[in-house]
Amino acid sequence: MPLQGKIAIVTGGLSGIGHAIAKRMMSEGARVIAADITSDVKSLSDQELATFHVDVSDPQSVETLVEAVVQLHGRIDCVVNSAGIAKEIPFLDTPLATFDQIIAINLRGTFVVGQATARAMRDHGLGGSIVNIASISGIVGNAGRTAYGASKGGVITLTRVMSVDLAPYNIRVNAIAPGPVETPLVAELHKGARRGQWTDLVPMQRYARPEELAGTAVFLCSDDASYVTGHVLVADGGLVSSRLLG
């Protein structure tokens, strides 16, 4: 039980990778708050998985979440920034509004949540761990994902800067960069021949299950990773190592 007794917030915790991480963290002993825009519930009490409605791009919404968690539990130990959106649109066809929306949720949201929770960790003097969900699209980029790739590249750089600035407070910050994962979001983007193209690119010849990402988040939040910070852990079935994306 490497997370026994730890208080954890997982944004985007009611679907996809975030939900898998939230469930795994609970099984490893953490008290988990799944903060998600799809939730209409603000209940942090004795549910198996506590939920809280939050808009990660809205600082006031995030502050309300942080204040509620600190008031109930006294501290925040772990944060996983998993909330995100994606669209596949060629560069010349990408509307500015779409670009702004993706940046607002994926990059601005990671910044807003990271800053608010890191301040709580600092103020309580106990340190903590923040894990940002990035993407291999933020490492090498791929066609049709202008805004998404830019946002996830930003998350990777943000992670590295956060790790340096927060190290004096014993707050570790790392990122996970997944390849293709079986999530509702990806199911909407990768259909038919497109899915086959992605499968062919991955040396392991398959998409990951969300549960396969959960263990990496648990490790990075645990004391086993107590000297790991500023790291980008790639979980992509070997894709980045094998070739660039087309």
Protein backbone atom coordinates (compact mmCIF):
# COMPACT_ATOMS: atom_id res chain seq x y z
CA MET A 1 0.00 0.00 0.00
CA PRO A 2 2.53 2.63 -1.14
CA LEU A 3 -0.02 5.47 -0.89
CA GLN A 4 -1.51 4.48 2.45
CA GLY A 5 -3.09 7.51 4.13
CA LYS A 6 -2.17 9.97 1.39
CA ILE A 7 -4.69 12.58 0.19
CA ALA A 8 -4.83 12.72 -3.60
CA ILE A 9 -6.63 14.86 -6.19
CA VAL A 10 -7.03 13.51 -9.72
CA THR A 11 -8.42 15.95 -12.27
CA GLY A 12 -10.34 14.33 -15.07
CA GLY A 13 -10.81 11.54 -12.57
CA LEU A 14 -14.14 10.25 -13.83
CA SER A 15 -13.08 9.00 -17.26
CA GLY A 16 -10.22 7.50 -19.23
CA ILE A 17 -6.70 7.62 -17.82
CA GLY A 18 -7.73 9.81 -14.90
CA HIS A 19 -10.39 7.36 -13.74
CA ALA A 20 -7.99 4.41 -13.97
CA ILE A 21 -5.43 6.34 -11.93
CA ALA A 22 -8.02 7.35 -9.32
CA LYS A 23 -9.15 3.74 -8.85
CA ARG A 24 -5.59 2.42 -8.65
CA MET A 25 -4.58 5.08 -6.13
CA MET A 26 -7.54 4.10 -3.96
CA SER A 27 -6.51 0.46 -4.12
CA GLU A 28 -3.04 1.50 -2.94
CA GLY A 29 -4.40 3.22 0.16
CA ALA A 30 -4.98 6.85 -0.87
CA ARG A 31 -8.06 8.95 -0.17
CA VAL A 32 -8.87 10.15 -3.67
CA ILE A 33 -10.91 13.11 -4.87
CA ALA A 34 -11.90 12.77 -8.53
CA ALA A 35 -12.21 16.38 -9.69
CA ASP A 36 -14.01 16.50 -13.01
CA ILE A 37 -16.10 18.92 -15.04
CA THR A 38 -18.62 16.14 -15.77
CA SER A 39 -19.49 15.77 -12.10
CA ASP A 40 -22.42 17.72 -10.67
CA VAL A 41 -21.55 16.46 -7.21
CA LYS A 42 -19.53 18.13 -4.47
CA SER A 43 -19.14 15.31 -1.99
CA LEU A 44 -15.88 14.74 -0.18
CA SER A 45 -17.13 12.61 2.68
CA ASP A 46 -17.26 8.83 2.98
CA GLN A 47 -17.84 7.71 -0.59
CA GLU A 48 -15.51 5.10 -2.03
CA LEU A 49 -14.44 7.66 -4.63
CA ALA A 50 -15.14 11.23 -3.61
CA THR A 51 -16.10 13.54 -6.47
CA PHE A 52 -15.95 17.27 -6.95
CA HIS A 53 -17.07 19.43 -9.85
CA VAL A 54 -14.23 21.57 -11.16
CA ASP A 55 -13.33 23.56 -14.25
CA VAL A 56 -9.54 23.37 -14.33
CA SER A 57 -9.25 26.46 -16.52
CA ASP A 58 -11.11 28.58 -13.92
CA PRO A 59 -8.90 29.66 -10.99
CA GLN A 60 -11.87 30.26 -8.69
CA SER A 61 -13.26 26.80 -9.37
CA VAL A 62 -9.86 25.28 -8.60
CA GLU A 63 -9.46 27.35 -5.42
CA THR A 64 -12.86 26.11 -4.22
CA LEU A 65 -11.69 22.53 -4.76
CA VAL A 66 -8.39 23.04 -2.93
CA GLU A 67 -10.02 24.82 -0.01
CA ALA A 68 -12.62 22.06 0.36
CA VAL A 69 -10.01 19.28 0.33
CA VAL A 70 -7.76 21.07 2.84
CA GLN A 71 -10.69 21.86 5.10
CA LEU A 72 -11.77 18.21 5.18
CA HIS A 73 -8.43 16.40 5.14
CA GLY A 74 -5.99 19.03 6.39
CA ARG A 75 -3.54 18.65 3.53
CA ILE A 76 -2.92 17.55 -0.07
CA ASP A 77 -0.21 14.96 -0.71
CA CYS A 78 -0.62 14.00 -4.37
CA VAL A 79 -2.06 15.64 -7.46
CA VAL A 80 -2.52 14.11 -10.90
CA ASN A 81 -3.39 16.57 -13.66
CA SER A 82 -5.24 14.34 -16.11
CA ALA A 83 -8.04 16.63 -17.34
CA GLY A 84 -7.65 17.29 -21.03
CA ILE A 85 -9.22 17.45 -24.48
CA ALA A 86 -7.98 16.81 -28.00
CA LYS A 87 -9.01 17.37 -31.61
CA GLU A 88 -7.41 16.30 -34.88
CA ILE A 89 -7.56 19.23 -37.30
CA PRO A 90 -4.96 20.24 -39.92
CA PHE A 91 -2.95 23.31 -38.99
CA LEU A 92 -4.48 25.60 -41.63
CA ASP A 93 -8.00 24.56 -40.64
CA THR A 94 -7.62 24.95 -36.87
CA PRO A 95 -9.95 27.70 -35.58
CA LEU A 96 -8.43 30.08 -33.06
CA ALA A 97 -11.28 29.31 -30.67
CA THR A 98 -10.40 25.61 -30.77
CA PHE A 99 -6.71 26.34 -30.23
CA ASP A 100 -7.54 28.57 -27.25
CA GLN A 101 -9.90 25.99 -25.73
CA ILE A 102 -7.34 23.18 -25.89
CA ILE A 103 -4.58 25.38 -24.47
CA ALA A 104 -6.94 26.61 -21.72
CA ILE A 105 -7.78 23.12 -20.48
CA ASN A 106 -4.60 21.16 -21.15
CA LEU A 107 -1.90 23.73 -20.40
CA ARG A 108 -3.54 26.57 -18.47
CA GLY A 109 -5.50 24.01 -16.42
CA THR A 110 -2.33 22.14 -15.48
CA PHE A 111 -0.75 25.44 -14.44
CA VAL A 112 -3.77 26.61 -12.42
CA VAL A 113 -4.24 23.33 -10.57
CA GLY A 114 -0.52 22.89 -10.08
CA GLN A 115 -0.08 26.35 -8.63
CA ALA A 116 -3.06 26.16 -6.27
CA THR A 117 -2.22 22.71 -4.93
CA ALA A 118 1.52 23.45 -4.66
CA ARG A 119 0.72 26.49 -2.53
CA ALA A 120 -1.32 24.27 -0.21
CA MET A 121 1.54 21.76 -0.03
CA ARG A 122 4.02 24.54 0.71
CA ASP A 123 1.85 26.15 3.37
CA HIS A 124 1.44 22.87 5.24
CA GLY A 125 5.17 22.17 5.08
CA LEU A 126 4.80 18.50 4.20
CA GLY A 127 5.83 18.53 0.55
CA GLY A 128 4.05 16.38 -1.99
CA SER A 129 4.00 15.03 -5.52
CA ILE A 130 2.42 16.44 -8.68
CA VAL A 131 2.08 14.31 -11.81
CA ASN A 132 1.12 15.98 -15.08
CA ILE A 133 -0.32 13.87 -17.90
CA ALA A 134 1.48 14.97 -21.07
CA SER A 135 1.67 13.01 -24.33
CA ILE A 136 4.15 11.78 -26.89
CA SER A 137 2.49 14.42 -29.11
CA GLY A 138 4.26 16.95 -26.91
CA ILE A 139 7.62 15.28 -27.54
CA VAL A 140 7.68 14.69 -31.29
CA GLY A 141 4.37 16.10 -32.49
CA ASN A 142 2.10 14.51 -35.06
CA ALA A 143 0.06 15.62 -38.04
CA GLY A 144 -3.33 17.16 -37.34
CA ARG A 145 -2.74 17.99 -33.70
CA THR A 146 -1.46 21.56 -33.75
CA ALA A 147 -3.16 22.74 -30.58
CA TYR A 148 -2.93 19.43 -28.73
CA GLY A 149 0.76 19.00 -29.46
CA ALA A 150 1.48 22.59 -28.47
CA SER A 151 -0.44 22.17 -25.22
CA LYS A 152 1.30 18.93 -24.26
CA GLY A 153 4.72 20.27 -25.22
CA GLY A 154 3.93 23.15 -22.92
CA VAL A 155 2.97 20.72 -20.15
CA ILE A 156 6.35 19.00 -20.45
CA THR A 157 8.28 22.27 -20.19
CA LEU A 158 5.99 23.47 -17.39
CA THR A 159 6.69 20.22 -15.52
CA ARG A 160 10.43 20.75 -15.69
CA VAL A 161 10.24 24.36 -14.53
CA MET A 162 7.84 23.48 -11.72
CA SER A 163 10.18 20.73 -10.53
CA VAL A 164 13.02 23.22 -10.09
CA ASP A 165 10.96 26.01 -8.52
CA LEU A 166 9.15 23.67 -6.10
CA ALA A 167 12.11 21.49 -5.06
CA PRO A 168 12.93 23.72 -2.04
CA TYR A 169 9.48 22.85 -0.64
CA ASN A 170 10.00 19.10 -1.11
CA ILE A 171 7.37 19.09 -3.85
CA ARG A 172 8.26 16.74 -6.67
CA VAL A 173 6.83 17.31 -10.17
CA ASN A 174 6.95 14.74 -12.96
CA ALA A 175 5.07 13.98 -16.16
CA ILE A 176 3.76 10.89 -17.89
CA ALA A 177 3.74 10.95 -21.70
CA PRO A 178 1.41 8.23 -23.00
CA GLY A 179 1.16 6.95 -26.53
CA PRO A 180 -2.22 5.78 -27.87
CA VAL A 181 -4.53 4.66 -25.05
CA GLU A 182 -7.97 3.04 -25.14
CA THR A 183 -10.05 5.96 -23.83
CA PRO A 184 -13.38 7.49 -24.90
CA LEU A 185 -11.49 10.56 -26.15
CA VAL A 186 -9.14 8.52 -28.33
CA ALA A 187 -12.02 6.38 -29.60
CA GLU A 188 -13.54 9.54 -31.09
CA LEU A 189 -10.28 10.56 -32.75
CA HIS A 190 -8.92 7.22 -33.99
CA LYS A 191 -11.38 5.37 -36.18
CA GLY A 192 -11.08 2.93 -39.06
CA ALA A 193 -7.88 3.26 -41.03
CA ARG A 194 -6.56 5.92 -38.65
CA ARG A 195 -6.62 3.43 -35.79
CA GLY A 196 -4.78 0.91 -37.91
CA GLN A 197 -2.10 3.46 -38.72
CA TRP A 198 -1.47 4.14 -35.05
CA THR A 199 -1.39 0.44 -34.19
CA ASP A 200 1.18 -0.15 -36.93
CA LEU A 201 3.37 2.64 -35.54
CA VAL A 202 3.57 1.09 -32.06
CA PRO A 203 6.21 -1.66 -31.75
CA MET A 204 3.98 -3.49 -29.27
CA GLN A 205 1.24 -3.39 -31.95
CA ARG A 206 -1.59 -2.30 -29.68
CA TYR A 207 -3.10 0.57 -27.74
CA ALA A 208 -2.52 0.74 -24.00
CA ARG A 209 -5.28 0.11 -21.50
CA PRO A 210 -5.81 3.08 -19.12
CA GLU A 211 -4.95 0.77 -16.23
CA GLU A 212 -1.45 0.36 -17.67
CA LEU A 213 -0.81 4.06 -17.03
CA ALA A 214 -2.09 3.95 -13.46
CA GLY A 215 0.89 2.16 -11.97
CA THR A 216 3.29 4.80 -13.27
CA ALA A 217 1.29 7.52 -11.51
CA VAL A 218 1.25 5.52 -8.27
CA PHE A 219 5.02 5.09 -8.46
CA LEU A 220 5.67 8.79 -9.07
CA CYS A 221 3.41 9.74 -6.14
CA SER A 222 4.93 7.19 -3.79
CA ASP A 223 7.97 7.38 -1.54
CA ASP A 224 9.70 4.94 -3.91
CA ALA A 225 10.14 7.96 -6.22
CA SER A 226 11.31 10.29 -3.45
CA TYR A 227 14.37 11.42 -5.46
CA VAL A 228 12.62 11.60 -8.83
CA THR A 229 11.58 15.03 -10.04
CA GLY A 230 11.53 16.84 -13.38
CA HIS A 231 11.26 13.51 -15.21
CA VAL A 232 9.06 12.72 -18.23
CA LEU A 233 8.12 9.05 -18.11
CA VAL A 234 7.20 7.86 -21.62
CA ALA A 235 4.65 5.03 -21.72
CA ASP A 236 4.07 4.42 -25.42
CA GLY A 237 4.80 0.80 -26.27
CA GLY A 238 8.11 1.87 -27.79
CA LEU A 239 6.68 4.31 -30.34
CA VAL A 240 8.94 7.33 -29.74
CA SER A 241 12.01 5.12 -29.67
CA SER A 242 11.16 3.57 -32.99
CA ARG A 243 10.24 6.49 -35.26
CA LEU A 244 8.82 9.96 -35.62
CA LEU A 245 5.07 10.34 -36.04
CA GLY A 246 3.63 10.97 -39.46
